[in-house]
Protein backbone atom coordinates (compact mmCIF):
# COMPACT_ATOMS: atom_id res chain seq x y z
CA MET A 1 0.22 0.02 -0.05
CA ILE A 2 2.93 2.49 0.93
CA GLU A 3 4.82 1.49 -2.35
CA LYS A 4 1.60 2.07 -4.30
CA LEU A 5 0.98 5.58 -2.60
CA GLU A 6 4.75 6.64 -3.44
CA VAL A 7 4.29 5.93 -6.97
CA THR A 8 0.98 7.59 -7.12
CA LEU A 9 2.50 10.70 -5.40
CA ASP A 10 5.40 10.62 -7.61
CA LEU A 11 3.37 10.52 -10.55
CA ILE A 12 1.05 13.20 -9.62
CA CYS A 13 3.93 15.54 -8.56
CA SER A 14 5.79 14.98 -11.67
CA GLU A 15 2.56 16.15 -13.58
CA ILE A 16 2.31 19.44 -11.24
CA ALA A 17 5.81 20.37 -11.54
CA GLY A 18 6.08 19.94 -15.32
CA LEU A 19 3.10 22.31 -15.56
CA LEU A 20 5.00 24.80 -12.95
CA SER A 21 8.03 24.62 -15.05
CA LYS A 22 6.02 24.99 -18.26
CA SER A 23 4.67 28.30 -17.10
CA SER A 24 8.09 29.65 -17.26
CA ILE A 25 8.32 28.45 -20.74
CA ILE A 26 5.23 29.89 -21.91
CA GLU A 27 5.90 33.25 -20.38
CA SER A 28 9.40 33.32 -22.21
CA LEU A 29 7.96 32.51 -25.35
CA VAL A 30 5.46 35.62 -25.66
CA PHE A 31 7.13 38.78 -26.51
CA LYS A 32 6.74 41.14 -23.50
CA PRO A 33 8.39 44.66 -23.58
CA GLY A 34 11.56 45.07 -21.83
CA ASN A 35 12.06 41.35 -21.07
CA ALA A 36 14.04 38.42 -22.08
CA SER A 37 11.90 36.04 -24.67
CA ARG A 38 12.53 34.27 -27.66
CA TYR A 39 12.39 37.23 -29.70
CA GLN A 40 15.05 39.17 -27.70
CA ASP A 41 17.88 38.66 -24.94
CA ILE A 42 18.20 41.81 -22.76
CA ASN A 43 21.15 43.01 -20.95
CA SER A 44 21.02 40.94 -17.83
CA VAL A 45 18.98 37.67 -19.00
CA LYS A 46 19.03 35.56 -22.10
CA PHE A 47 16.03 33.62 -23.58
CA ARG A 48 18.16 30.48 -22.95
CA ASP A 49 18.90 31.09 -19.44
CA ILE A 50 14.94 31.40 -18.74
CA LEU A 51 14.42 27.87 -20.29
CA GLU A 52 17.50 26.35 -18.65
CA SER A 53 16.39 27.67 -15.28
CA ALA A 54 12.91 26.46 -15.83
CA ILE A 55 14.07 22.89 -16.38
CA ILE A 56 16.22 23.15 -13.17
CA SER A 57 13.32 24.30 -11.46
CA GLU A 58 11.04 21.60 -12.26
CA GLU A 59 12.67 18.95 -9.81
CA SER A 60 12.51 21.71 -6.99
CA TYR A 61 8.74 22.05 -7.61
CA LYS A 62 8.24 18.21 -7.44
CA ILE A 63 10.22 17.79 -4.25
CA ALA A 64 8.06 20.66 -2.70
CA CYS A 65 4.73 18.87 -3.83
CA LYS A 66 5.73 15.73 -2.05
CA ARG A 67 6.62 17.46 0.97
CA GLY A 68 3.29 19.42 1.15
CA PHE A 69 1.57 15.97 1.17
CA TYR A 70 3.56 14.88 4.16
CA SER A 71 3.83 18.61 5.64
CA ASP A 72 7.31 18.37 5.82
CA ARG A 73 9.31 21.53 5.87
CA PRO A 74 11.44 23.63 5.20
CA ILE A 75 10.32 24.90 1.71
CA TYR A 76 12.67 27.49 0.64
CA ASP A 77 15.83 25.32 0.85
CA LEU A 78 14.48 24.13 -2.67
CA LEU A 79 15.13 27.69 -3.98
CA TYR A 80 18.70 27.43 -2.86
CA ARG A 81 18.91 24.15 -4.38
CA SER A 82 17.86 25.46 -7.75
CA ILE A 83 20.31 28.23 -7.46
CA TYR A 84 23.29 26.09 -6.32
CA ILE A 85 22.65 23.36 -9.07
CA SER A 86 22.37 26.37 -11.75
CA LYS A 87 25.75 27.65 -10.52
CA ILE A 88 27.20 24.04 -10.72
CA ILE A 89 26.25 23.47 -14.25
CA ASP A 90 27.06 27.12 -15.45
CA VAL A 91 23.54 28.19 -15.89
CA ASN A 92 22.53 31.99 -15.12
CA PHE A 93 19.44 31.38 -12.88
CA SER A 94 16.87 33.51 -13.96
CA ILE A 95 13.37 32.92 -12.61
CA PHE A 96 14.22 33.59 -8.82
CA GLY A 97 10.95 35.48 -8.66
CA THR A 98 8.69 33.03 -10.31
CA GLU A 99 10.14 30.32 -7.97
CA ILE A 100 9.44 32.31 -4.87
CA SER A 101 6.11 32.53 -6.06
CA LEU A 102 5.53 28.79 -7.00
CA LEU A 103 7.13 27.14 -4.48
CA PRO A 104 4.18 27.65 -2.09
CA LEU A 105 1.66 26.54 -4.85
CA ALA A 106 3.63 23.41 -5.72
CA TYR A 107 3.70 22.52 -1.69
CA SER A 108 -0.18 22.93 -1.61
CA SER A 109 -0.92 21.49 -4.92
CA VAL A 110 -1.57 17.87 -4.00
CA LEU A 111 -3.86 18.02 -1.31
CA ALA A 112 -5.84 20.78 -3.12
CA TYR A 113 -9.05 19.92 -5.22
CA ASN A 114 -9.41 23.04 -7.33
CA LEU A 115 -7.83 26.48 -7.83
CA ASP A 116 -9.96 28.18 -5.01
CA SER A 117 -8.59 25.73 -2.51
CA LEU A 118 -5.20 25.93 -4.09
CA ILE A 119 -4.89 29.59 -3.20
CA SER A 120 -6.44 29.27 0.07
CA MET A 121 -4.01 26.52 1.29
CA SER A 122 -1.01 28.34 -0.43
CA THR A 123 -1.97 31.49 1.42
CA GLN A 124 -1.83 29.68 4.84
CA VAL A 125 1.45 28.30 3.87
CA VAL A 126 2.96 31.42 3.09
CA ARG A 127 1.80 33.04 6.34
CA SER A 128 3.40 29.98 8.13
CA LEU A 129 6.79 30.78 6.70
CA ASP A 130 9.29 30.62 9.55
CA ARG A 131 12.77 31.55 10.38
CA ASP A 132 14.50 28.35 8.92
CA ASP A 133 12.47 29.24 5.35
CA SER A 134 14.03 32.78 6.06
CA LYS A 135 17.61 31.76 6.40
CA TRP A 136 17.34 29.65 3.24
CA PHE A 137 16.04 32.51 1.59
CA SER A 138 18.82 34.64 2.63
CA ASN A 139 21.32 32.11 1.61
CA SER A 140 19.68 32.26 -1.97
CA LEU A 141 20.09 35.87 -2.01
CA ASN A 142 23.61 35.62 -0.94
CA GLU A 143 24.43 32.87 -3.68
CA LEU A 144 22.95 34.79 -6.32
CA LYS A 145 25.04 38.09 -5.13
CA LEU A 146 22.71 40.53 -6.56
CA SER A 147 23.69 44.27 -5.97
CA TYR A 148 20.36 45.49 -5.35
CA LEU A 149 17.99 42.49 -4.84
CA GLY A 150 17.25 42.24 -1.18
CA THR A 151 18.28 45.35 0.23
CA LEU A 152 15.90 48.17 1.03
CA SER A 153 16.31 51.56 3.23
CA SER A 154 16.23 49.80 6.51
CA MET A 155 16.09 46.10 6.28
CA ASP A 156 18.72 43.98 4.62
CA PHE A 157 17.13 40.49 3.85
CA ARG A 158 20.34 38.89 3.51
CA ASN A 159 21.37 39.46 7.15
CA MET A 160 18.25 39.25 9.44
CA GLU A 161 16.70 36.92 11.83
CA GLU A 162 12.75 37.31 11.01
CA THR A 163 10.30 34.60 9.98
CA LEU A 164 10.25 34.75 6.19
CA TRP A 165 6.44 35.90 6.37
CA ASN A 166 7.59 38.79 8.13
CA VAL A 167 10.26 39.60 5.42
CA PHE A 168 7.58 39.18 2.85
CA MET A 169 5.34 41.68 4.53
CA TYR A 170 8.11 44.28 4.82
CA SER A 171 9.05 43.78 1.11
CA SER A 172 5.70 43.86 0.19
CA ASN A 173 5.36 47.57 0.64
CA GLU A 174 7.87 48.03 -2.20
CA ASP A 175 8.06 44.82 -4.38
CA SER A 176 5.12 44.12 -6.56
CA LEU A 177 5.82 40.40 -6.82
CA ILE A 178 6.07 39.81 -2.96
CA ARG A 179 2.79 41.86 -2.67
CA ASN A 180 1.15 39.37 -4.99
CA ILE A 181 2.09 36.68 -2.92
CA VAL A 182 0.94 38.38 0.48
CA ARG A 183 -2.40 39.28 -1.07
CA ASN A 184 -3.31 35.94 -2.01
CA TYR A 185 -1.89 36.01 -5.34
CA GLU A 186 -4.21 38.67 -6.20
CA TYR A 187 -2.42 40.14 -9.51
CA SER A 188 -1.74 36.57 -10.80
CA ILE A 189 -5.45 35.60 -10.33
CA GLU A 190 -6.29 38.78 -12.30
CA VAL A 191 -3.88 37.40 -15.09
CA TYR A 192 -5.57 34.03 -15.00
CA ASN A 193 -9.03 35.47 -15.41
CA ILE A 194 -7.69 37.72 -18.46
CA ILE A 195 -6.47 34.49 -20.32
CA ARG A 196 -9.35 32.60 -19.21
CA GLN A 197 -11.73 35.34 -20.66
CA ASN A 198 -9.91 35.66 -23.64
CA PRO A 199 -10.62 39.42 -24.44
CA CYS A 200 -8.26 39.58 -27.58
CA LYS A 201 -9.18 36.28 -29.10
CA ASP A 202 -5.44 35.16 -29.08
CA PHE A 203 -3.46 33.38 -26.47
CA GLU A 204 -0.49 35.26 -26.99
CA ASN A 205 -2.07 38.77 -26.99
CA ASN A 206 -4.02 37.77 -23.96
CA ILE A 207 -0.80 37.27 -22.20
CA GLN A 208 0.24 40.77 -23.42
CA THR A 209 -2.80 42.50 -22.47
CA ALA A 210 -2.27 40.76 -18.89
CA PHE A 211 1.21 41.94 -18.75
CA ILE A 212 0.38 45.68 -19.68
CA ARG A 213 -2.75 45.73 -17.57
CA ILE A 214 -0.82 44.62 -14.32
CA LEU A 215 2.14 46.78 -15.11
CA SER A 216 0.03 50.17 -15.63
CA LYS A 217 -1.72 49.32 -12.19
CA VAL A 218 1.32 48.18 -10.30
CA PRO A 219 4.78 49.74 -10.51
CA ASP A 220 7.39 47.01 -10.96
CA GLY A 221 9.28 45.72 -8.11
CA LEU A 222 12.46 44.98 -9.91
CA ILE A 223 12.49 48.49 -11.68
CA TYR A 224 11.64 49.98 -8.17
CA ARG A 225 14.52 48.34 -6.37
CA LYS A 226 17.04 48.99 -9.21
CA PHE A 227 16.01 52.53 -10.19
CA GLY A 228 13.68 54.04 -7.76
CA ALA A 229 10.01 54.90 -7.30
CA ARG A 230 9.81 57.61 -9.90
CA VAL A 231 11.23 55.56 -12.71
CA ALA A 232 8.76 52.83 -11.85
CA LEU A 233 5.90 55.04 -11.89
CA ARG A 234 7.18 56.55 -15.14
CA VAL A 235 7.21 52.84 -16.89
CA SER A 236 3.74 52.22 -15.24
CA ASP A 237 2.11 55.48 -16.66
CA TYR A 238 3.58 54.63 -20.19
CA ALA A 239 1.72 51.07 -19.76
CA SER A 240 -1.27 52.75 -18.81
CA LYS A 241 -1.82 54.72 -22.07
CA LEU A 242 -1.54 51.58 -24.09
CA PRO A 243 -4.97 50.30 -25.34
CA GLU A 244 -6.64 47.02 -24.42
CA CYS A 245 -5.15 44.20 -26.58
CA PRO A 246 -2.28 46.33 -28.03
CA SER A 247 -1.01 46.29 -31.24
CA GLN A 248 2.47 44.61 -32.19
CA SER A 249 3.67 48.20 -32.82
CA ASP A 250 2.50 49.52 -29.47
CA LEU A 251 4.26 46.75 -27.95
CA TYR A 252 7.50 47.25 -29.97
CA GLU A 253 7.59 51.18 -29.21
CA PHE A 254 7.44 50.44 -25.55
CA ASN A 255 10.02 47.70 -25.59
CA LYS A 256 12.43 50.13 -27.42
CA PHE A 257 11.77 52.78 -24.65
CA LEU A 258 12.28 50.00 -21.98
CA VAL A 259 15.40 48.41 -23.47
CA SER A 260 17.16 51.64 -24.39
CA ASN A 261 16.86 52.81 -20.69
CA LYS A 262 17.74 49.15 -19.32
CA TYR A 263 14.38 48.86 -17.56
CA ASN A 264 13.41 45.25 -17.10
CA PRO A 265 9.93 44.58 -15.52
CA GLY A 266 10.84 41.54 -14.48
CA SER A 267 8.66 41.39 -11.35
CA THR A 268 5.70 41.78 -13.56
CA ALA A 269 6.98 38.88 -16.03
CA ASP A 270 6.96 36.76 -12.83
CA ILE A 271 3.58 37.62 -11.67
CA ILE A 272 2.62 36.53 -15.43
CA ALA A 273 4.33 33.15 -15.06
CA THR A 274 2.66 32.49 -11.79
CA GLY A 275 -0.86 33.48 -13.61
CA LEU A 276 -0.04 31.11 -16.21
CA ALA A 277 0.77 28.42 -13.66
CA LEU A 278 -2.82 29.08 -12.14
CA TYR A 279 -4.24 28.74 -15.53
CA ASN A 280 -2.51 25.32 -16.25
CA LEU A 281 -3.23 24.10 -12.75
CA ASP A 282 -6.70 24.92 -12.99
CA LYS A 283 -7.18 22.94 -16.00
CA TRP A 284 -4.98 20.03 -14.67
CA TYR A 285 -7.57 20.02 -11.58
CA GLU A 286 -10.50 19.85 -13.77
CA LYS A 287 -9.20 16.89 -15.75
CA THR A 288 -7.71 14.72 -12.92
CA ARG A 289 -9.48 15.62 -9.58
CA LEU A 290 -12.15 13.05 -9.82
CA ASN A 291 -9.69 10.47 -11.58
CA ILE A 292 -6.95 10.18 -8.87
CA ARG A 293 -7.31 9.46 -5.04
CA LEU A 294 -4.55 9.66 -2.60
CA PRO A 295 -5.08 8.69 0.95
CA LEU A 296 -5.16 11.77 2.98
CA PRO A 297 -2.46 12.44 5.83
CA ARG A 298 -4.21 11.94 9.08
CA GLY A 299 -6.20 15.15 10.32
CA CYS A 300 -6.90 16.28 6.89
CA ASP A 301 -10.58 16.33 4.91
CA ARG A 302 -11.08 16.45 1.45
CA ILE A 303 -14.23 17.93 0.11
CA TYR A 304 -14.96 17.62 -3.59
CA LYS A 305 -17.52 20.31 -5.09
């Protein structure tokens, strides 16, 4: 019985991890102004970097999924794992923000029965992130050695002894990606809804529309940390003037503005990748939730609706 459980769990978590990794790949295949994609490399990130990083992260998502079934902790040592392996095999790890977002989803995924329950469970996981997770998050920042990521005016995330939930809450004041996570994936749910509602009648254009809409409403965290609030607001203002379902010429002009100034709205791209993950997982739950049964850990209930 235990052997059969492990085989089934391994299969389910492999599927979930594949979907989460796929979200980064799809995100990078779609042209989004200021970001690396199959259409362009940018100063700090190449298209190939994203693909290779997504492949490396897939195993981390799978391990997180299995840990979630057994309620094993920590979680963010798996972020460190992805970064460490990337360095060993000479890959420029380029989905740091995406993996931060997706690990709680991976951890919660196997016991959820639909997207609503996944968001609810992931929210509880994020709020329970402790000092051990904070230590691994700090180690990850140190491993990446980024000059601007992790340091704000009065708190250096690489040298602190707080729970990771407290770190996220502090960072959410100035970081759009982390704000998305602590607000129950609010912006990524909006991305998911745009893709599902199909306003532009084209999958790629829907993703581009979601990117522009989020960026116009929420100043990008990566640009904020690197260039400051004024520049982040200027970029959002530009995005807000673009039409719904922007044309390719609109996007190329915006891209020219961003790339010439080395403005990379990477946090917004991470929010898009997370929205794509929600979209993929939603379809997966609809297909599989009644076909696969796992015995639940003691003390858990599953209610199918």
